[in-house]
Each structure stands twice: as C-alpha cells, then as structure tokens.
C-alpha cells in the first residue's frame, strides 16, 4: 500500500511538473491563425513590476489556467521594455527610449494603453483578426483569471 501511494505521489508531481505554459511570439501568430483560429491573450509586463512578477509566479503557474490557455488560446508573454523590433499585423513596432536606460515598446503602448495611460500588469485579449476585445490593467488572481478565460470563450 505504501509503494502504491509513493507511485501515485510521484506521477502526480511529474505530471504537474510537465504542465507548462506555451508562450508564442507576435511573429508566430499569423501562421498559427491560418492553422487554427483562436483568441490571443497578451500579458504585458515589466521586470520591475511586483504585481507582474506575482502573476507570473501564481496565476500563470496554475495548472487549470495553463491547460485552458494552451488548449483554447494563443498566449504571448510580452515585456513592455523589449528592445527588439517586432512585426505584427503587417506593421513594424519599435522600442521607444524615453531616458537613460528607460523606455517602452510601441506595441506595448498600442495594446496596453487604457484611458491614455499604461499601468502594469496589463492583460489584452485580441480576437482572431488581431482586434482588441478586452483590456485590463491590474493583478488578476488565478480564480479571477480563470473566470475571465471562461467568459472569453463565449
């Protein structure tokens, strides 16, 4: 009986350990949409934002959320201070420096500006035509994020 428990415990840990969130790039989306149409969930964050880091370690580590994002959406993990040029939706977006080692990417501004300001973390959901259908700028707990994903599927 003890061996059976250890076996189930081991497989439970390893199967949960292999449950990993698939993050896509903006450049991949066009070809992926040709294969299967899905909504796109973009998580816009920075390295210095504490709430962003908390979402990464809690919300995006939740097995149910990982499963839902991987199976029903395309997920993009996007650092708003990314310095490389990004082509998305037939348009080139660049990093815009605003001071010494400070700046923001044009694509983060395009997708994350709400009421003329950008506040991290930002969740932006795009439809299959790359149009913004939902924006939210605040921490989302795993429970709230799961509810949001379920509503997005409707």
C-alpha atoms as a PDB file:
ATOM      1  CA  UNK A   1       0.000   0.000   0.000  1.00  0.00           C
ATOM      2  CA  UNK A   2       2.849   2.375   0.861  1.00  0.00           C
ATOM      3  CA  UNK A   3       4.523   1.684  -2.506  1.00  0.00           C
ATOM      4  CA  UNK A   4       1.263   2.384  -4.325  1.00  0.00           C
ATOM      5  CA  UNK A   5       0.939   5.722  -2.530  1.00  0.00           C
ATOM      6  CA  UNK A   6       4.516   6.670  -3.416  1.00  0.00           C
ATOM      7  CA  UNK A   7       3.891   5.717  -7.056  1.00  0.00           C
ATOM      8  CA  UNK A   8       0.755   7.892  -7.282  1.00  0.00           C
ATOM      9  CA  UNK A   9       2.540  10.722  -5.477  1.00  0.00           C
ATOM     10  CA  UNK A  10       5.494  10.545  -7.890  1.00  0.00           C
ATOM     11  CA  UNK A  11       3.304  10.541 -11.013  1.00  0.00           C
ATOM     12  CA  UNK A  12       1.201  13.372  -9.624  1.00  0.00           C
ATOM     13  CA  UNK A  13       4.288  15.534  -9.145  1.00  0.00           C
ATOM     14  CA  UNK A  14       5.840  14.719 -12.511  1.00  0.00           C
ATOM     15  CA  UNK A  15       2.636  15.221 -14.479  1.00  0.00           C
ATOM     16  CA  UNK A  16       2.087  18.583 -12.782  1.00  0.00           C
ATOM     17  CA  UNK A  17       5.725  19.443 -13.429  1.00  0.00           C
ATOM     18  CA  UNK A  18       5.358  18.893 -17.165  1.00  0.00           C
ATOM     19  CA  UNK A  19       2.328  21.185 -17.368  1.00  0.00           C
ATOM     20  CA  UNK A  20       3.993  24.208 -18.935  1.00  0.00           C
ATOM     21  CA  UNK A  21       2.508  27.340 -20.441  1.00  0.00           C
ATOM     22  CA  UNK A  22       3.269  27.721 -24.153  1.00  0.00           C
ATOM     23  CA  UNK A  23       4.230  31.288 -24.898  1.00  0.00           C
ATOM     24  CA  UNK A  24       4.129  32.421 -28.520  1.00  0.00           C
ATOM     25  CA  UNK A  25       5.670  35.409 -30.271  1.00  0.00           C
ATOM     26  CA  UNK A  26       3.804  38.082 -32.191  1.00  0.00           C
ATOM     27  CA  UNK A  27       5.579  36.926 -35.339  1.00  0.00           C
ATOM     28  CA  UNK A  28       4.157  33.390 -34.978  1.00  0.00           C
ATOM     29  CA  UNK A  29       0.529  34.461 -34.642  1.00  0.00           C
ATOM     30  CA  UNK A  30      -0.292  34.962 -38.342  1.00  0.00           C
ATOM     31  CA  UNK A  31       0.779  31.448 -39.312  1.00  0.00           C
ATOM     32  CA  UNK A  32      -0.871  29.927 -36.220  1.00  0.00           C
ATOM     33  CA  UNK A  33      -4.166  31.670 -37.025  1.00  0.00           C
ATOM     34  CA  UNK A  34      -4.086  30.085 -40.504  1.00  0.00           C
ATOM     35  CA  UNK A  35      -3.880  26.646 -38.888  1.00  0.00           C
ATOM     36  CA  UNK A  36      -6.467  27.258 -36.159  1.00  0.00           C
ATOM     37  CA  UNK A  37      -8.351  30.454 -35.304  1.00  0.00           C
ATOM     38  CA  UNK A  38      -8.076  31.388 -31.624  1.00  0.00           C
ATOM     39  CA  UNK A  39      -8.235  34.448 -29.435  1.00  0.00           C
ATOM     40  CA  UNK A  40      -4.868  35.823 -28.311  1.00  0.00           C
ATOM     41  CA  UNK A  41      -4.102  36.588 -24.672  1.00  0.00           C
ATOM     42  CA  UNK A  42      -1.228  39.064 -24.299  1.00  0.00           C
ATOM     43  CA  UNK A  43       0.312  39.513 -20.859  1.00  0.00           C
ATOM     44  CA  UNK A  44       2.167  42.850 -20.900  1.00  0.00           C
ATOM     45  CA  UNK A  45       4.590  43.293 -18.014  1.00  0.00           C
ATOM     46  CA  UNK A  46       7.939  44.707 -16.915  1.00  0.00           C
ATOM     47  CA  UNK A  47      10.766  43.198 -14.895  1.00  0.00           C
ATOM     48  CA  UNK A  48      10.411  45.807 -12.115  1.00  0.00           C
ATOM     49  CA  UNK A  49       6.643  45.445 -11.588  1.00  0.00           C
ATOM     50  CA  UNK A  50       5.909  43.458  -8.399  1.00  0.00           C
ATOM     51  CA  UNK A  51       2.321  42.633  -9.376  1.00  0.00           C
ATOM     52  CA  UNK A  52       3.539  41.374 -12.761  1.00  0.00           C
ATOM     53  CA  UNK A  53       6.008  39.053 -11.064  1.00  0.00           C
ATOM     54  CA  UNK A  54       3.309  37.863  -8.672  1.00  0.00           C
ATOM     55  CA  UNK A  55       1.031  36.978 -11.591  1.00  0.00           C
ATOM     56  CA  UNK A  56       3.898  35.066 -13.210  1.00  0.00           C
ATOM     57  CA  UNK A  57       4.508  33.017 -10.069  1.00  0.00           C
ATOM     58  CA  UNK A  58       0.881  32.392  -9.108  1.00  0.00           C
ATOM     59  CA  UNK A  59      -1.680  32.937 -11.870  1.00  0.00           C
ATOM     60  CA  UNK A  60       0.436  31.643 -14.753  1.00  0.00           C
ATOM     61  CA  UNK A  61       1.652  28.632 -12.746  1.00  0.00           C
ATOM     62  CA  UNK A  62      -1.892  27.413 -12.040  1.00  0.00           C
ATOM     63  CA  UNK A  63      -2.407  24.061 -13.864  1.00  0.00           C
ATOM     64  CA  UNK A  64      -6.033  24.825 -14.819  1.00  0.00           C
ATOM     65  CA  UNK A  65      -5.076  28.177 -16.331  1.00  0.00           C
ATOM     66  CA  UNK A  66      -2.118  26.654 -18.158  1.00  0.00           C
ATOM     67  CA  UNK A  67      -4.368  23.945 -19.602  1.00  0.00           C
ATOM     68  CA  UNK A  68      -7.024  26.465 -20.728  1.00  0.00           C
ATOM     69  CA  UNK A  69      -4.514  28.886 -22.264  1.00  0.00           C
ATOM     70  CA  UNK A  70      -2.629  26.108 -24.073  1.00  0.00           C
ATOM     71  CA  UNK A  71      -5.742  24.447 -25.493  1.00  0.00           C
ATOM     72  CA  UNK A  72      -8.063  27.367 -26.310  1.00  0.00           C
ATOM     73  CA  UNK A  73      -5.937  30.500 -26.794  1.00  0.00           C
ATOM     74  CA  UNK A  74      -2.593  31.717 -28.090  1.00  0.00           C
ATOM     75  CA  UNK A  75      -0.634  33.214 -25.209  1.00  0.00           C
ATOM     76  CA  UNK A  76       2.029  35.912 -25.580  1.00  0.00           C
ATOM     77  CA  UNK A  77       4.249  36.860 -22.643  1.00  0.00           C
ATOM     78  CA  UNK A  78       5.407  40.365 -23.587  1.00  0.00           C
ATOM     79  CA  UNK A  79       7.909  42.530 -21.731  1.00  0.00           C
ATOM     80  CA  UNK A  80       6.877  46.157 -22.362  1.00  0.00           C
ATOM     81  CA  UNK A  81      10.551  47.158 -22.304  1.00  0.00           C
ATOM     82  CA  UNK A  82      11.548  44.704 -25.047  1.00  0.00           C
ATOM     83  CA  UNK A  83      14.174  46.351 -27.237  1.00  0.00           C
ATOM     84  CA  UNK A  84      13.861  44.314 -30.437  1.00  0.00           C
ATOM     85  CA  UNK A  85      11.724  45.371 -33.393  1.00  0.00           C
ATOM     86  CA  UNK A  86       8.504  43.376 -33.686  1.00  0.00           C
ATOM     87  CA  UNK A  87       6.425  42.870 -36.787  1.00  0.00           C
ATOM     88  CA  UNK A  88       2.779  42.220 -36.013  1.00  0.00           C
ATOM     89  CA  UNK A  89      -0.351  42.595 -38.094  1.00  0.00           C
ATOM     90  CA  UNK A  90       1.730  43.823 -41.069  1.00  0.00           C
ATOM     91  CA  UNK A  91       3.192  46.674 -39.031  1.00  0.00           C
ATOM     92  CA  UNK A  92       6.652  47.278 -37.523  1.00  0.00           C
ATOM     93  CA  UNK A  93       6.838  48.292 -33.854  1.00  0.00           C
ATOM     94  CA  UNK A  94       9.999  49.581 -32.164  1.00  0.00           C
ATOM     95  CA  UNK A  95      11.340  50.310 -28.709  1.00  0.00           C
ATOM     96  CA  UNK A  96      10.989  54.000 -27.786  1.00  0.00           C
ATOM     97  CA  UNK A  97      13.638  55.177 -25.325  1.00  0.00           C
ATOM     98  CA  UNK A  98      12.483  57.944 -23.008  1.00  0.00           C
ATOM     99  CA  UNK A  99      15.612  58.481 -20.958  1.00  0.00           C
ATOM    100  CA  UNK A 100      18.753  56.793 -19.703  1.00  0.00           C
ATOM    101  CA  UNK A 101      18.052  53.047 -19.961  1.00  0.00           C
ATOM    102  CA  UNK A 102      14.291  53.758 -19.771  1.00  0.00           C
ATOM    103  CA  UNK A 103      11.617  53.369 -22.403  1.00  0.00           C
ATOM    104  CA  UNK A 104       8.650  51.386 -23.634  1.00  0.00           C
ATOM    105  CA  UNK A 105       7.894  49.368 -26.747  1.00  0.00           C
ATOM    106  CA  UNK A 106       5.432  50.878 -29.232  1.00  0.00           C
ATOM    107  CA  UNK A 107       3.483  47.607 -29.333  1.00  0.00           C
ATOM    108  CA  UNK A 108       3.036  47.683 -25.551  1.00  0.00           C
ATOM    109  CA  UNK A 109       1.648  51.204 -25.897  1.00  0.00           C
ATOM    110  CA  UNK A 110      -0.629  50.117 -28.749  1.00  0.00           C
ATOM    111  CA  UNK A 111      -2.068  47.132 -26.855  1.00  0.00           C
ATOM    112  CA  UNK A 112      -1.826  48.332 -23.266  1.00  0.00           C
ATOM    113  CA  UNK A 113      -2.894  51.960 -23.189  1.00  0.00           C
ATOM    114  CA  UNK A 114      -6.152  52.328 -21.278  1.00  0.00           C
ATOM    115  CA  UNK A 115      -7.636  55.802 -20.661  1.00  0.00           C
ATOM    116  CA  UNK A 116      -4.478  57.405 -22.138  1.00  0.00           C
ATOM    117  CA  UNK A 117      -2.145  55.701 -19.659  1.00  0.00           C
ATOM    118  CA  UNK A 118      -0.240  52.463 -19.311  1.00  0.00           C
ATOM    119  CA  UNK A 119      -0.229  50.686 -15.931  1.00  0.00           C
ATOM    120  CA  UNK A 120       1.282  47.229 -15.416  1.00  0.00           C
ATOM    121  CA  UNK A 121       0.424  44.386 -15.480  1.00  0.00           C
ATOM    122  CA  UNK A 122      -1.856  44.542 -18.500  1.00  0.00           C
ATOM    123  CA  UNK A 123      -3.950  41.800 -19.941  1.00  0.00           C
ATOM    124  CA  UNK A 124      -5.003  42.366 -23.534  1.00  0.00           C
ATOM    125  CA  UNK A 125      -7.202  39.914 -25.427  1.00  0.00           C
ATOM    126  CA  UNK A 126      -7.334  40.047 -29.213  1.00  0.00           C
ATOM    127  CA  UNK A 127      -9.834  38.324 -31.469  1.00  0.00           C
ATOM    128  CA  UNK A 128      -8.868  36.204 -34.478  1.00  0.00           C
ATOM    129  CA  UNK A 129      -8.498  39.387 -36.567  1.00  0.00           C
ATOM    130  CA  UNK A 130      -5.979  40.882 -34.089  1.00  0.00           C
ATOM    131  CA  UNK A 131      -8.506  43.429 -32.820  1.00  0.00           C
ATOM    132  CA  UNK A 132      -8.564  44.344 -29.122  1.00  0.00           C
ATOM    133  CA  UNK A 133     -11.689  42.927 -27.483  1.00  0.00           C
ATOM    134  CA  UNK A 134     -10.638  43.246 -23.833  1.00  0.00           C
ATOM    135  CA  UNK A 135      -8.065  45.163 -21.768  1.00  0.00           C
ATOM    136  CA  UNK A 136      -7.430  45.026 -18.038  1.00  0.00           C
ATOM    137  CA  UNK A 137      -4.621  46.635 -16.056  1.00  0.00           C
ATOM    138  CA  UNK A 138      -4.285  45.152 -12.611  1.00  0.00           C
ATOM    139  CA  UNK A 139      -3.268  41.972 -10.834  1.00  0.00           C
ATOM    140  CA  UNK A 140      -5.564  39.011 -11.509  1.00  0.00           C
ATOM    141  CA  UNK A 141      -5.652  36.084  -9.076  1.00  0.00           C
ATOM    142  CA  UNK A 142      -5.817  32.565 -10.531  1.00  0.00           C
ATOM    143  CA  UNK A 143      -9.520  32.387  -9.606  1.00  0.00           C
ATOM    144  CA  UNK A 144     -10.387  35.701 -11.323  1.00  0.00           C
ATOM    145  CA  UNK A 145      -8.240  34.918 -14.356  1.00  0.00           C
ATOM    146  CA  UNK A 146      -9.919  31.531 -14.786  1.00  0.00           C
ATOM    147  CA  UNK A 147     -13.331  33.242 -14.719  1.00  0.00           C
ATOM    148  CA  UNK A 148     -12.150  35.747 -17.312  1.00  0.00           C
ATOM    149  CA  UNK A 149     -10.928  32.983 -19.641  1.00  0.00           C
ATOM    150  CA  UNK A 150     -14.213  31.141 -19.341  1.00  0.00           C
ATOM    151  CA  UNK A 151     -16.108  34.321 -20.269  1.00  0.00           C
ATOM    152  CA  UNK A 152     -13.762  34.951 -23.218  1.00  0.00           C
ATOM    153  CA  UNK A 153     -14.671  31.589 -24.728  1.00  0.00           C
ATOM    154  CA  UNK A 154     -18.343  32.580 -25.066  1.00  0.00           C
END
